[in-house]
Amino acid sequence: MLVTRESITDYIPHRAPFVMVDSLVSATDARFETEFIIEPQNLLVQDGYFQETGLIENIAQTCALSFGYLGSREGGGIRIGYIGAISKLEVYELPPVGSKIQTIVIPTHQLGNIYLVKGESFLEGRILLGCEMKIVVTE
């Protein structure tokens, strides 16, 4: 585990109650992985399920956390990313409260400070949501 729940906000601009990642499991230039436990009081839970908007935000925060971590590790300071676009969104299933989801993001292309990433969220090996995002990263 690279970053625990207690130090997440050292790497992302988000603050409670809008933090949608619990831990950074791994981060390289080629792959990011996080985990997140769905709490009943989460703002994006409705009728006992974490909603699509929550899964999308979880993927975006996985990017933010990973870019922040990698930037700080490289000595260049924490880099902040902004969603430029979301495409190829497919929702398969919503996770219930109490679930631990795994999110994997693969950066596929980079042009300067703009990244195209493919993100997917999983529950017990089943895909919940997948999409592509354009992320603009501050330098």
Protein backbone atom coordinates (compact mmCIF):
# COMPACT_ATOMS: atom_id res chain seq x y z
CA MET A 1 0.00 0.00 0.00
CA LEU A 2 1.52 3.29 -1.13
CA VAL A 3 -0.93 5.75 0.45
CA THR A 4 -3.37 4.99 3.27
CA ARG A 5 -6.73 6.55 4.07
CA GLU A 6 -5.14 8.80 6.69
CA SER A 7 -2.85 10.55 4.19
CA ILE A 8 -5.02 10.60 1.03
CA THR A 9 -5.66 14.34 1.33
CA ASP A 10 -1.91 15.00 1.16
CA TYR A 11 -2.16 14.07 -2.53
CA ILE A 12 -5.61 15.21 -3.72
CA PRO A 13 -7.47 18.51 -3.45
CA HIS A 14 -10.72 16.82 -2.33
CA ARG A 15 -11.85 16.96 1.28
CA ALA A 16 -14.44 15.11 3.35
CA PRO A 17 -17.18 14.35 2.70
CA PHE A 18 -16.17 14.16 -0.98
CA VAL A 19 -13.16 11.83 -0.82
CA MET A 20 -13.96 8.76 -2.94
CA VAL A 21 -10.72 6.74 -2.54
CA ASP A 22 -9.38 5.01 0.57
CA SER A 23 -5.97 3.72 -0.45
CA LEU A 24 -3.47 3.81 -3.29
CA VAL A 25 -2.48 0.20 -3.84
CA SER A 26 -0.05 0.82 -6.70
CA ALA A 27 0.99 3.62 -9.04
CA THR A 28 3.37 3.55 -11.98
CA ASP A 29 3.40 5.58 -15.18
CA ALA A 30 1.54 2.67 -16.82
CA ARG A 31 -1.09 1.68 -14.21
CA PHE A 32 -2.88 3.05 -11.13
CA GLU A 33 -4.87 1.01 -8.60
CA THR A 34 -6.99 2.13 -5.64
CA GLU A 35 -9.48 0.64 -3.20
CA PHE A 36 -12.58 2.23 -1.72
CA ILE A 37 -15.13 0.99 0.83
CA ILE A 38 -18.67 2.25 0.26
CA GLU A 39 -19.93 3.74 3.54
CA PRO A 40 -23.69 4.19 4.16
CA GLN A 41 -23.31 7.95 4.80
CA ASN A 42 -21.48 8.57 1.49
CA LEU A 43 -23.04 11.50 -0.39
CA LEU A 44 -23.28 9.47 -3.59
CA VAL A 45 -25.14 6.50 -2.07
CA GLN A 46 -28.81 6.24 -2.93
CA ASP A 47 -31.18 3.43 -1.92
CA GLY A 48 -28.26 1.42 -0.55
CA TYR A 49 -26.11 1.59 -3.71
CA PHE A 50 -23.14 3.72 -4.75
CA GLN A 51 -24.34 5.56 -7.84
CA GLU A 52 -22.79 5.94 -11.30
CA THR A 53 -21.62 9.45 -10.45
CA GLY A 54 -19.73 8.00 -7.48
CA LEU A 55 -17.99 5.40 -9.63
CA ILE A 56 -17.00 8.08 -12.15
CA GLU A 57 -15.69 10.31 -9.35
CA ASN A 58 -13.80 7.35 -7.89
CA ILE A 59 -12.01 6.86 -11.23
CA ALA A 60 -11.22 10.59 -11.44
CA GLN A 61 -9.88 10.61 -7.86
CA THR A 62 -7.82 7.51 -8.62
CA CYS A 63 -6.15 9.60 -11.33
CA ALA A 64 -5.75 12.60 -9.02
CA LEU A 65 -4.26 10.51 -6.23
CA SER A 66 -1.89 8.66 -8.57
CA PHE A 67 -0.70 11.78 -10.40
CA GLY A 68 -0.27 13.52 -7.04
CA TYR A 69 1.70 10.63 -5.60
CA LEU A 70 3.91 10.21 -8.67
CA GLY A 71 4.55 13.96 -8.84
CA SER A 72 5.59 14.16 -5.20
CA ARG A 73 7.80 11.08 -5.54
CA GLU A 74 9.58 12.61 -8.53
CA GLY A 75 10.28 15.75 -6.53
CA GLY A 76 8.20 17.96 -8.80
CA GLY A 77 5.48 18.58 -6.29
CA ILE A 78 1.91 17.39 -6.30
CA ARG A 79 0.19 17.65 -9.67
CA ILE A 80 -3.54 18.27 -9.80
CA GLY A 81 -5.72 16.90 -12.59
CA TYR A 82 -9.01 18.11 -14.01
CA ILE A 83 -11.51 16.11 -16.04
CA GLY A 84 -11.58 17.42 -19.60
CA ALA A 85 -14.02 14.85 -21.01
CA ILE A 86 -15.62 11.48 -20.31
CA SER A 87 -16.36 9.03 -23.13
CA LYS A 88 -17.17 5.36 -23.77
CA LEU A 89 -19.01 5.15 -20.45
CA GLU A 90 -20.56 1.77 -19.71
CA VAL A 91 -22.30 0.92 -16.44
CA TYR A 92 -22.75 -2.76 -15.64
CA GLU A 93 -23.62 -2.90 -11.96
CA LEU A 94 -23.82 -0.65 -8.89
CA PRO A 95 -22.02 -1.73 -5.70
CA PRO A 96 -24.04 -1.97 -2.47
CA VAL A 97 -23.11 -0.21 0.75
CA GLY A 98 -20.33 -2.05 2.57
CA SER A 99 -18.60 -3.16 -0.63
CA LYS A 100 -14.90 -2.70 -1.25
CA ILE A 101 -14.33 -1.70 -4.85
CA GLN A 102 -11.06 -1.90 -6.75
CA THR A 103 -10.35 0.69 -9.42
CA ILE A 104 -7.74 0.34 -12.14
CA VAL A 105 -6.72 3.18 -14.43
CA ILE A 106 -4.43 2.78 -17.42
CA PRO A 107 -2.99 5.93 -19.03
CA THR A 108 -3.18 5.17 -22.76
CA HIS A 109 -1.95 8.38 -24.41
CA GLN A 110 -0.25 11.61 -23.38
CA LEU A 111 0.08 14.90 -25.23
CA GLY A 112 1.92 17.41 -23.06
CA ASN A 113 -0.10 17.71 -19.86
CA ILE A 114 -3.21 16.03 -21.30
CA TYR A 115 -3.72 12.34 -20.61
CA LEU A 116 -6.22 9.90 -22.05
CA VAL A 117 -6.93 7.19 -19.50
CA LYS A 118 -9.07 4.06 -19.40
CA GLY A 119 -10.68 3.47 -16.02
CA GLU A 120 -12.57 0.48 -14.68
CA SER A 121 -14.09 -0.28 -11.28
CA PHE A 122 -14.55 -3.82 -10.00
CA LEU A 123 -16.34 -5.64 -7.20
CA GLU A 124 -15.12 -9.17 -6.46
CA GLY A 125 -13.71 -9.42 -9.99
CA ARG A 126 -16.91 -8.21 -11.71
CA ILE A 127 -16.71 -4.99 -13.70
CA LEU A 128 -18.98 -2.26 -12.38
CA LEU A 129 -18.20 0.63 -14.69
CA GLY A 130 -15.72 1.46 -17.43
CA CYS A 131 -14.94 4.68 -19.26
CA GLU A 132 -12.28 6.81 -20.87
CA MET A 133 -11.36 10.23 -19.51
CA LYS A 134 -9.26 13.08 -20.74
CA ILE A 135 -7.39 14.48 -17.76
CA VAL A 136 -5.55 17.79 -17.82
CA VAL A 137 -2.71 17.75 -15.27
CA THR A 138 -1.13 20.89 -13.83
CA GLU A 139 2.65 21.00 -13.90
